[in-house]
N, C-alpha and C. Protein backbone atom coordinates (compact mmCIF):
# COMPACT_ATOMS: atom_id res chain seq x y z
N UNK A 1 -94.40 -12.54 -20.94
CA UNK A 1 -94.84 -12.91 -22.31
C UNK A 1 -95.78 -14.18 -22.06
N UNK A 2 -97.02 -14.14 -22.76
CA UNK A 2 -97.91 -15.25 -22.67
C UNK A 2 -97.61 -16.44 -23.57
N UNK A 3 -97.54 -17.61 -23.43
CA UNK A 3 -97.05 -18.69 -24.20
C UNK A 3 -98.52 -19.42 -24.46
N UNK A 4 -98.70 -19.70 -25.80
CA UNK A 4 -99.93 -20.37 -26.33
C UNK A 4 -99.59 -21.61 -27.21
N UNK A 5 -100.58 -22.39 -27.34
CA UNK A 5 -100.42 -23.53 -28.18
C UNK A 5 -100.64 -23.12 -29.66
N UNK A 6 -99.82 -23.19 -30.51
CA UNK A 6 -99.76 -22.96 -31.93
C UNK A 6 -100.54 -24.20 -32.80
N UNK A 7 -101.90 -24.35 -32.60
CA UNK A 7 -102.52 -25.35 -33.15
C UNK A 7 -102.41 -25.47 -34.67
N UNK A 8 -102.31 -24.19 -35.27
CA UNK A 8 -101.97 -24.20 -36.77
C UNK A 8 -100.81 -24.75 -37.22
N UNK A 9 -99.85 -24.38 -36.59
CA UNK A 9 -98.45 -24.92 -36.74
C UNK A 9 -98.27 -26.44 -36.56
N UNK A 10 -99.12 -27.03 -35.50
CA UNK A 10 -99.00 -28.36 -35.29
C UNK A 10 -99.94 -29.10 -36.17
N UNK A 11 -100.79 -28.61 -36.73
CA UNK A 11 -101.88 -29.30 -37.70
C UNK A 11 -100.94 -29.29 -38.99
N UNK A 12 -100.24 -28.26 -39.19
CA UNK A 12 -99.21 -28.09 -40.42
C UNK A 12 -98.32 -29.30 -40.58
N UNK A 13 -97.65 -29.54 -39.46
CA UNK A 13 -96.65 -30.49 -39.31
C UNK A 13 -97.35 -31.96 -39.41
N UNK A 14 -98.65 -32.15 -38.76
CA UNK A 14 -99.17 -33.45 -38.62
C UNK A 14 -99.62 -33.83 -40.18
N UNK A 15 -100.11 -32.88 -40.81
CA UNK A 15 -100.76 -33.09 -42.26
C UNK A 15 -99.64 -33.54 -42.97
N UNK A 16 -98.42 -32.61 -43.01
CA UNK A 16 -97.30 -32.94 -43.84
C UNK A 16 -96.65 -34.14 -43.44
N UNK A 17 -96.81 -34.69 -42.22
CA UNK A 17 -96.26 -35.98 -41.78
C UNK A 17 -97.25 -37.09 -42.51
N UNK A 18 -98.56 -37.03 -42.56
CA UNK A 18 -99.44 -37.79 -42.99
C UNK A 18 -99.03 -38.03 -44.57
N UNK A 19 -98.82 -36.96 -45.18
CA UNK A 19 -98.46 -37.17 -46.69
C UNK A 19 -97.14 -38.06 -46.82
N UNK A 20 -96.18 -37.77 -45.90
CA UNK A 20 -94.82 -38.55 -45.87
C UNK A 20 -95.09 -39.86 -45.55
N UNK A 21 -95.79 -40.13 -44.71
CA UNK A 21 -96.06 -41.68 -44.50
C UNK A 21 -96.92 -42.25 -45.46
N UNK A 22 -97.75 -41.47 -46.07
CA UNK A 22 -98.51 -42.32 -47.13
C UNK A 22 -97.55 -42.64 -48.32
N UNK A 23 -96.59 -41.62 -48.58
CA UNK A 23 -95.61 -41.67 -49.84
C UNK A 23 -94.62 -42.88 -49.46
N UNK A 24 -94.25 -42.82 -48.23
CA UNK A 24 -93.29 -43.96 -47.75
C UNK A 24 -93.92 -45.17 -48.00
N UNK A 25 -95.22 -45.55 -47.63
CA UNK A 25 -95.87 -46.73 -47.84
C UNK A 25 -96.00 -47.01 -49.46
N UNK A 26 -96.21 -46.13 -50.11
CA UNK A 26 -96.42 -46.39 -51.57
C UNK A 26 -95.10 -46.76 -52.02
N UNK A 27 -93.92 -46.17 -51.46
CA UNK A 27 -92.46 -46.43 -52.02
C UNK A 27 -92.14 -47.92 -51.71
N UNK A 28 -92.81 -48.45 -50.58
CA UNK A 28 -92.27 -49.79 -50.20
C UNK A 28 -93.25 -50.80 -50.70
N UNK A 29 -94.62 -50.53 -50.98
CA UNK A 29 -95.50 -51.47 -51.40
C UNK A 29 -96.31 -51.22 -52.64
N UNK A 30 -96.12 -49.78 -53.31
CA UNK A 30 -96.75 -49.47 -54.26
C UNK A 30 -98.16 -48.92 -54.10
N UNK A 31 -98.88 -48.50 -55.12
CA UNK A 31 -100.28 -48.03 -54.84
C UNK A 31 -101.19 -49.16 -54.70
N UNK A 32 -101.91 -49.26 -53.64
CA UNK A 32 -102.97 -50.32 -53.61
C UNK A 32 -104.23 -49.96 -54.36
N UNK A 33 -104.90 -51.10 -54.90
CA UNK A 33 -106.32 -50.79 -55.44
C UNK A 33 -106.32 -49.74 -56.53
N UNK A 34 -107.41 -48.80 -56.41
CA UNK A 34 -107.43 -47.68 -57.19
C UNK A 34 -107.02 -46.47 -56.70
N UNK A 35 -106.25 -46.61 -55.60
CA UNK A 35 -105.75 -45.26 -55.01
C UNK A 35 -104.86 -44.66 -56.10
N UNK A 36 -104.83 -43.31 -56.09
CA UNK A 36 -104.02 -42.46 -56.78
C UNK A 36 -104.08 -40.93 -56.33
N UNK A 37 -103.09 -40.32 -56.72
CA UNK A 37 -102.98 -38.96 -56.05
C UNK A 37 -102.74 -37.85 -56.99
N UNK A 38 -103.50 -36.79 -56.81
CA UNK A 38 -103.39 -35.48 -57.37
C UNK A 38 -102.67 -34.57 -56.29
N UNK A 39 -101.50 -34.01 -56.97
CA UNK A 39 -100.69 -33.35 -55.90
C UNK A 39 -100.34 -32.02 -56.44
N UNK A 40 -100.81 -30.87 -56.09
CA UNK A 40 -100.70 -29.64 -56.52
C UNK A 40 -99.66 -29.01 -55.56
N UNK A 41 -98.57 -28.33 -56.22
CA UNK A 41 -97.56 -27.75 -55.53
C UNK A 41 -97.23 -26.36 -56.28
N UNK A 42 -96.43 -25.78 -55.60
CA UNK A 42 -95.84 -24.50 -55.86
C UNK A 42 -94.57 -24.56 -56.72
N UNK A 43 -94.57 -24.16 -58.00
CA UNK A 43 -93.23 -24.52 -58.71
C UNK A 43 -92.46 -23.28 -58.35
N UNK A 44 -92.91 -22.28 -57.71
CA UNK A 44 -91.96 -21.17 -57.33
C UNK A 44 -91.09 -21.43 -56.03
N UNK A 45 -91.47 -22.43 -55.25
CA UNK A 45 -90.89 -22.75 -54.07
C UNK A 45 -89.33 -22.76 -54.26
N UNK A 46 -88.44 -22.21 -53.49
CA UNK A 46 -87.03 -22.25 -53.73
C UNK A 46 -86.41 -23.58 -53.68
N UNK A 47 -86.91 -24.55 -53.13
CA UNK A 47 -86.34 -25.80 -53.09
C UNK A 47 -87.11 -26.97 -54.06
N UNK A 48 -88.09 -26.48 -54.76
CA UNK A 48 -88.66 -27.29 -55.75
C UNK A 48 -87.73 -27.55 -57.08
N UNK A 49 -87.60 -28.72 -57.44
CA UNK A 49 -86.92 -28.92 -58.75
C UNK A 49 -87.92 -29.52 -59.63
N UNK A 50 -87.95 -28.65 -60.87
CA UNK A 50 -88.98 -29.11 -61.92
C UNK A 50 -88.02 -28.60 -63.30
N UNK A 51 -88.20 -29.39 -64.34
CA UNK A 51 -87.45 -29.06 -65.47
C UNK A 51 -87.82 -27.87 -66.06
N UNK A 52 -86.83 -27.17 -66.51
CA UNK A 52 -87.11 -25.83 -67.07
C UNK A 52 -88.35 -25.66 -67.89
N UNK A 53 -88.71 -26.62 -68.84
CA UNK A 53 -89.76 -26.43 -69.78
C UNK A 53 -91.02 -26.62 -68.97
N UNK A 54 -91.09 -27.26 -67.91
CA UNK A 54 -92.25 -27.28 -67.25
C UNK A 54 -92.63 -26.06 -66.34
N UNK A 55 -91.50 -25.73 -65.83
CA UNK A 55 -91.46 -24.46 -65.02
C UNK A 55 -92.07 -23.06 -65.87
N UNK A 56 -91.64 -23.29 -67.18
CA UNK A 56 -92.01 -22.14 -68.03
C UNK A 56 -93.64 -22.34 -68.39
N UNK A 57 -94.05 -23.59 -68.52
CA UNK A 57 -95.38 -23.83 -68.65
C UNK A 57 -96.24 -23.59 -67.47
N UNK A 58 -95.75 -23.96 -66.38
CA UNK A 58 -96.53 -23.77 -64.96
C UNK A 58 -95.64 -22.81 -64.25
N UNK A 59 -95.53 -21.53 -64.37
CA UNK A 59 -94.86 -20.69 -63.64
C UNK A 59 -95.08 -20.53 -62.26
N UNK A 60 -96.17 -20.87 -61.79
CA UNK A 60 -96.49 -20.76 -60.30
C UNK A 60 -97.00 -21.93 -59.55
N UNK A 61 -97.71 -22.65 -60.20
CA UNK A 61 -98.28 -24.02 -59.71
C UNK A 61 -98.37 -25.07 -60.63
N UNK A 62 -98.36 -26.31 -60.29
CA UNK A 62 -98.72 -27.32 -61.21
C UNK A 62 -99.39 -28.44 -60.57
N UNK A 63 -100.24 -29.27 -60.94
CA UNK A 63 -100.75 -30.41 -60.53
C UNK A 63 -100.12 -31.88 -61.16
N UNK A 64 -99.52 -32.69 -60.35
CA UNK A 64 -99.07 -33.93 -60.86
C UNK A 64 -100.01 -35.00 -60.48
N UNK A 65 -99.96 -36.15 -61.20
CA UNK A 65 -100.91 -37.22 -60.92
C UNK A 65 -99.89 -38.52 -60.77
N UNK A 66 -100.09 -39.01 -59.44
CA UNK A 66 -99.29 -40.41 -59.37
C UNK A 66 -100.42 -41.42 -59.37
N UNK A 67 -100.33 -42.31 -60.47
CA UNK A 67 -101.48 -43.09 -60.75
C UNK A 67 -100.85 -44.45 -61.53
N UNK A 68 -100.86 -44.45 -62.63
CA UNK A 68 -100.44 -45.81 -63.42
C UNK A 68 -98.97 -45.93 -63.55
N UNK A 69 -98.36 -44.74 -63.90
CA UNK A 69 -96.81 -44.99 -64.06
C UNK A 69 -96.00 -43.72 -63.38
N UNK A 70 -95.22 -44.30 -62.59
CA UNK A 70 -94.19 -43.33 -61.84
C UNK A 70 -93.14 -44.23 -61.46
N UNK A 71 -91.91 -43.48 -61.27
CA UNK A 71 -90.80 -44.26 -61.07
C UNK A 71 -89.79 -43.43 -60.25
N UNK A 72 -88.93 -44.21 -59.53
CA UNK A 72 -87.94 -43.59 -58.68
C UNK A 72 -88.32 -42.66 -57.65
N UNK A 73 -89.41 -43.30 -56.86
CA UNK A 73 -89.99 -42.41 -55.84
C UNK A 73 -89.09 -42.53 -54.54
N UNK A 74 -88.50 -41.35 -54.20
CA UNK A 74 -87.79 -41.30 -52.90
C UNK A 74 -88.47 -40.29 -51.94
N UNK A 75 -88.49 -40.68 -50.72
CA UNK A 75 -89.22 -39.99 -49.64
C UNK A 75 -88.19 -39.46 -48.53
N UNK A 76 -88.12 -38.24 -48.30
CA UNK A 76 -87.41 -37.80 -47.20
C UNK A 76 -88.14 -37.04 -46.11
N UNK A 77 -87.37 -36.57 -45.12
CA UNK A 77 -88.15 -35.66 -44.23
C UNK A 77 -88.60 -34.38 -44.58
N UNK A 78 -88.00 -33.96 -45.80
CA UNK A 78 -88.34 -32.54 -46.32
C UNK A 78 -89.20 -32.59 -47.48
N UNK A 79 -89.35 -33.61 -48.36
CA UNK A 79 -90.03 -33.74 -49.39
C UNK A 79 -89.88 -35.10 -50.11
N UNK A 80 -90.19 -35.04 -51.37
CA UNK A 80 -90.12 -36.31 -52.14
C UNK A 80 -89.73 -36.15 -53.53
N UNK A 81 -89.15 -36.89 -54.08
CA UNK A 81 -88.73 -36.96 -55.59
C UNK A 81 -89.38 -38.04 -56.46
N UNK A 82 -89.75 -37.85 -57.56
CA UNK A 82 -90.49 -38.91 -58.35
C UNK A 82 -90.27 -38.59 -59.84
N UNK A 83 -90.08 -39.59 -60.63
CA UNK A 83 -90.07 -39.32 -62.17
C UNK A 83 -91.52 -39.73 -62.61
N UNK A 84 -92.01 -38.65 -63.40
CA UNK A 84 -93.43 -38.69 -63.81
C UNK A 84 -93.17 -38.73 -65.47
N UNK A 85 -94.31 -39.19 -66.21
CA UNK A 85 -94.50 -39.11 -67.56
C UNK A 85 -95.12 -37.79 -67.98
N UNK A 86 -94.65 -36.95 -68.82
CA UNK A 86 -95.21 -35.83 -69.42
C UNK A 86 -95.38 -35.97 -70.68
N UNK A 87 -96.35 -36.30 -71.38
CA UNK A 87 -96.54 -36.61 -72.86
C UNK A 87 -95.45 -37.38 -73.25
N UNK A 88 -95.09 -38.50 -72.83
CA UNK A 88 -94.05 -39.48 -73.16
C UNK A 88 -92.88 -38.92 -73.04
N UNK A 89 -92.52 -37.84 -72.17
CA UNK A 89 -91.32 -37.58 -71.64
C UNK A 89 -91.05 -37.63 -70.24
N UNK A 90 -90.36 -38.68 -69.91
CA UNK A 90 -90.28 -38.74 -68.24
C UNK A 90 -89.42 -37.45 -67.73
N UNK A 91 -89.77 -37.04 -66.72
CA UNK A 91 -89.20 -36.00 -65.91
C UNK A 91 -89.04 -36.26 -64.66
N UNK A 92 -88.05 -35.90 -63.88
CA UNK A 92 -87.66 -36.20 -62.47
C UNK A 92 -88.03 -34.85 -61.74
N UNK A 93 -88.80 -34.94 -60.73
CA UNK A 93 -89.28 -33.73 -60.12
C UNK A 93 -88.88 -33.93 -58.43
N UNK A 94 -88.60 -32.92 -57.86
CA UNK A 94 -88.46 -32.69 -56.37
C UNK A 94 -89.54 -31.84 -55.69
N UNK A 95 -90.46 -32.28 -54.96
CA UNK A 95 -91.39 -31.50 -54.35
C UNK A 95 -91.24 -31.50 -52.93
N UNK A 96 -90.89 -30.36 -52.33
CA UNK A 96 -90.88 -30.23 -50.81
C UNK A 96 -92.19 -30.25 -50.15
N UNK A 97 -92.56 -30.71 -49.01
CA UNK A 97 -93.67 -30.81 -48.51
C UNK A 97 -94.25 -29.52 -48.27
N UNK A 98 -93.51 -28.53 -48.07
CA UNK A 98 -93.74 -27.10 -47.82
C UNK A 98 -94.34 -26.55 -48.98
N UNK A 99 -94.19 -26.98 -50.31
CA UNK A 99 -94.73 -26.46 -51.43
C UNK A 99 -96.03 -27.05 -51.89
N UNK A 100 -96.42 -27.99 -51.27
CA UNK A 100 -97.82 -28.82 -51.63
C UNK A 100 -98.93 -27.74 -51.13
N UNK A 101 -99.70 -27.64 -52.11
CA UNK A 101 -100.99 -26.85 -51.92
C UNK A 101 -102.22 -27.67 -51.66
N UNK A 102 -102.10 -28.83 -52.41
CA UNK A 102 -103.31 -29.83 -52.18
C UNK A 102 -102.83 -31.26 -52.30
N UNK A 103 -103.30 -32.06 -51.80
CA UNK A 103 -102.87 -33.47 -51.92
C UNK A 103 -104.35 -34.40 -51.65
N UNK A 104 -104.60 -34.89 -52.82
CA UNK A 104 -106.00 -35.48 -52.91
C UNK A 104 -105.89 -37.07 -53.38
N UNK A 105 -106.64 -37.94 -52.82
CA UNK A 105 -106.82 -39.19 -53.31
C UNK A 105 -108.27 -39.36 -53.56
N UNK A 106 -108.71 -39.35 -54.71
CA UNK A 106 -110.10 -39.21 -55.14
C UNK A 106 -110.89 -40.65 -54.94
N UNK A 107 -109.94 -41.59 -55.01
CA UNK A 107 -110.47 -43.06 -54.96
C UNK A 107 -111.08 -43.31 -53.52
N UNK A 108 -110.67 -42.64 -52.55
CA UNK A 108 -111.31 -42.66 -51.15
C UNK A 108 -111.80 -41.43 -50.59
N UNK A 109 -112.02 -40.49 -51.62
CA UNK A 109 -112.62 -39.25 -51.23
C UNK A 109 -112.00 -38.70 -49.98
N UNK A 110 -110.64 -38.34 -50.25
CA UNK A 110 -109.73 -37.79 -49.14
C UNK A 110 -108.98 -36.64 -49.89
N UNK A 111 -108.88 -35.47 -49.22
CA UNK A 111 -108.13 -34.33 -49.59
C UNK A 111 -107.75 -33.43 -48.56
N UNK A 112 -106.52 -32.99 -48.74
CA UNK A 112 -105.80 -31.83 -47.95
C UNK A 112 -105.58 -30.81 -48.77
N UNK A 113 -105.85 -29.50 -48.07
CA UNK A 113 -105.47 -28.11 -48.93
C UNK A 113 -104.82 -27.44 -47.76
N UNK A 114 -103.75 -26.80 -48.30
CA UNK A 114 -102.89 -25.91 -47.59
C UNK A 114 -102.94 -24.64 -48.13
N UNK A 115 -103.02 -23.46 -47.43
CA UNK A 115 -102.96 -22.21 -47.97
C UNK A 115 -102.08 -21.31 -47.18
N UNK A 116 -101.39 -20.43 -48.06
CA UNK A 116 -100.44 -19.45 -47.28
C UNK A 116 -101.62 -18.48 -46.64
N UNK A 117 -101.06 -17.97 -45.33
CA UNK A 117 -101.58 -16.98 -44.75
C UNK A 117 -100.44 -16.10 -44.02
N UNK A 118 -100.96 -14.96 -43.71
CA UNK A 118 -99.96 -14.02 -43.10
C UNK A 118 -99.90 -14.39 -41.65
N UNK A 119 -98.91 -14.51 -40.99
CA UNK A 119 -98.63 -14.87 -39.66
C UNK A 119 -98.61 -13.50 -38.96
N UNK A 120 -98.67 -13.65 -37.44
CA UNK A 120 -98.56 -12.30 -36.68
C UNK A 120 -97.69 -11.29 -37.01
N UNK A 121 -96.35 -11.89 -37.43
CA UNK A 121 -95.26 -11.01 -37.40
C UNK A 121 -95.08 -10.80 -39.06
N UNK A 122 -96.10 -10.99 -39.81
CA UNK A 122 -96.08 -10.23 -41.18
C UNK A 122 -95.40 -11.24 -42.19
N UNK A 123 -94.97 -12.35 -41.80
CA UNK A 123 -94.42 -13.28 -42.70
C UNK A 123 -95.50 -14.38 -43.24
N UNK A 124 -95.48 -14.77 -44.36
CA UNK A 124 -96.45 -15.74 -44.68
C UNK A 124 -96.14 -17.11 -44.18
N UNK A 125 -96.91 -17.88 -43.79
CA UNK A 125 -96.78 -19.24 -43.30
C UNK A 125 -97.81 -20.13 -43.89
N UNK A 126 -97.53 -21.27 -44.24
CA UNK A 126 -98.42 -22.25 -44.51
C UNK A 126 -99.20 -22.70 -43.41
N UNK A 127 -100.49 -22.69 -43.57
CA UNK A 127 -101.34 -23.11 -42.62
C UNK A 127 -102.35 -24.14 -43.12
N UNK A 128 -102.39 -25.29 -42.53
CA UNK A 128 -103.42 -26.28 -42.96
C UNK A 128 -104.79 -25.69 -42.94
N UNK A 129 -105.56 -25.89 -43.94
CA UNK A 129 -106.97 -25.37 -44.06
C UNK A 129 -107.94 -26.54 -43.94
N UNK A 130 -107.70 -27.58 -44.57
CA UNK A 130 -108.62 -28.66 -44.60
C UNK A 130 -108.05 -29.97 -44.42
N UNK A 131 -108.81 -31.10 -43.90
CA UNK A 131 -108.61 -32.30 -44.25
C UNK A 131 -109.77 -32.89 -44.21
N UNK A 132 -110.45 -32.73 -45.50
CA UNK A 132 -111.87 -33.15 -45.67
C UNK A 132 -112.04 -34.13 -46.87
N UNK A 133 -113.27 -34.85 -46.77
CA UNK A 133 -113.62 -35.68 -47.74
C UNK A 133 -113.88 -35.08 -49.03
N UNK A 134 -113.69 -35.61 -50.27
CA UNK A 134 -114.25 -35.17 -51.26
C UNK A 134 -115.57 -35.41 -51.69
N UNK A 135 -116.29 -34.65 -52.48
CA UNK A 135 -117.48 -34.92 -52.88
C UNK A 135 -117.23 -35.60 -54.12
N UNK A 136 -118.04 -36.73 -54.66
CA UNK A 136 -118.07 -37.51 -55.67
C UNK A 136 -118.90 -36.84 -56.63
N UNK A 137 -118.42 -36.89 -58.06
CA UNK A 137 -119.24 -36.31 -59.11
C UNK A 137 -119.87 -37.77 -59.56
N UNK A 138 -120.78 -37.72 -60.47
CA UNK A 138 -121.40 -38.81 -61.06
C UNK A 138 -120.48 -40.12 -61.38
N UNK A 139 -119.57 -39.50 -61.85
CA UNK A 139 -118.46 -40.71 -62.43
C UNK A 139 -117.25 -40.45 -61.38
N UNK A 140 -116.73 -41.73 -60.92
CA UNK A 140 -115.57 -41.54 -59.90
C UNK A 140 -114.37 -41.07 -60.68
N UNK A 141 -114.23 -41.37 -61.85
CA UNK A 141 -113.09 -40.81 -62.78
C UNK A 141 -113.08 -39.32 -63.05
N UNK A 142 -114.32 -38.77 -62.71
CA UNK A 142 -114.29 -37.32 -62.88
C UNK A 142 -114.09 -36.58 -61.80
N UNK A 143 -113.76 -37.20 -60.54
CA UNK A 143 -113.63 -36.54 -59.35
C UNK A 143 -112.29 -35.72 -59.58
N UNK A 144 -112.24 -34.35 -58.88
CA UNK A 144 -110.99 -33.62 -59.04
C UNK A 144 -110.54 -32.91 -57.60
N UNK A 145 -109.60 -32.25 -57.71
CA UNK A 145 -109.34 -31.44 -56.69
C UNK A 145 -110.50 -30.41 -56.35
N UNK A 146 -110.89 -29.71 -57.46
CA UNK A 146 -111.83 -28.76 -57.36
C UNK A 146 -113.26 -29.16 -56.46
N UNK A 147 -113.36 -30.52 -56.35
CA UNK A 147 -114.57 -31.02 -55.70
C UNK A 147 -114.38 -31.08 -54.25
N UNK A 148 -113.38 -30.71 -53.84
CA UNK A 148 -112.99 -30.87 -52.17
C UNK A 148 -113.89 -30.11 -51.47
N UNK A 149 -114.56 -30.63 -50.36
CA UNK A 149 -115.21 -29.93 -49.26
C UNK A 149 -114.22 -29.41 -48.35
N UNK A 150 -114.01 -28.06 -48.16
CA UNK A 150 -112.97 -27.49 -47.43
C UNK A 150 -113.66 -27.16 -45.96
N UNK A 151 -113.09 -27.66 -45.08
CA UNK A 151 -113.46 -27.24 -43.52
C UNK A 151 -112.28 -26.47 -42.98
N UNK A 152 -112.78 -24.95 -42.71
CA UNK A 152 -111.82 -24.20 -42.15
C UNK A 152 -111.16 -24.47 -40.77
N UNK A 153 -109.90 -24.50 -40.68
CA UNK A 153 -109.53 -24.61 -39.19
C UNK A 153 -109.13 -23.38 -38.54
N UNK A 154 -109.64 -22.09 -39.05
CA UNK A 154 -109.30 -20.88 -38.61
C UNK A 154 -109.72 -20.59 -37.25
N UNK A 155 -110.89 -21.32 -36.79
CA UNK A 155 -111.26 -21.20 -35.42
C UNK A 155 -110.32 -21.63 -34.47
N UNK A 156 -109.37 -22.61 -34.72
CA UNK A 156 -108.46 -23.00 -33.72
C UNK A 156 -107.04 -22.17 -33.73
N UNK A 157 -107.02 -21.05 -34.85
CA UNK A 157 -105.78 -20.26 -34.74
C UNK A 157 -106.11 -19.07 -33.97
N UNK A 158 -105.10 -18.53 -33.17
CA UNK A 158 -105.07 -17.38 -32.54
C UNK A 158 -105.49 -16.14 -33.35
């Protein structure tokens, strides 16, 4: 059997570790300056914990914003939990790193996007597709996840 380096899996782990490290820093020191995050995740992930009314409203995925108000941020090796405000209703969420589809900080034009792909054995696996800067629109406040330049890492996959 030929052994090979699975760069896709290594990148996956590294990018999830980057998110974890950023969130740990925010937990300890707060969000510096204009930094804020748009985090899109799969609400269908078996370990994601979302209020029933939010899951009904967002049955597949949702994007949360960590910016002006968030509370109870806890960061673990597998994911993070946070209380966010949804129309004056605080809700506690748990988001596993494996459920994250995009992580964007438009204040510094940084974004990551993860997509599910079929692996060689037929199982879906999350593979990092990008660690790319965002394009700015004319107004900094109008930057969004949709503006991300995506750089494919497929050339590194077997």
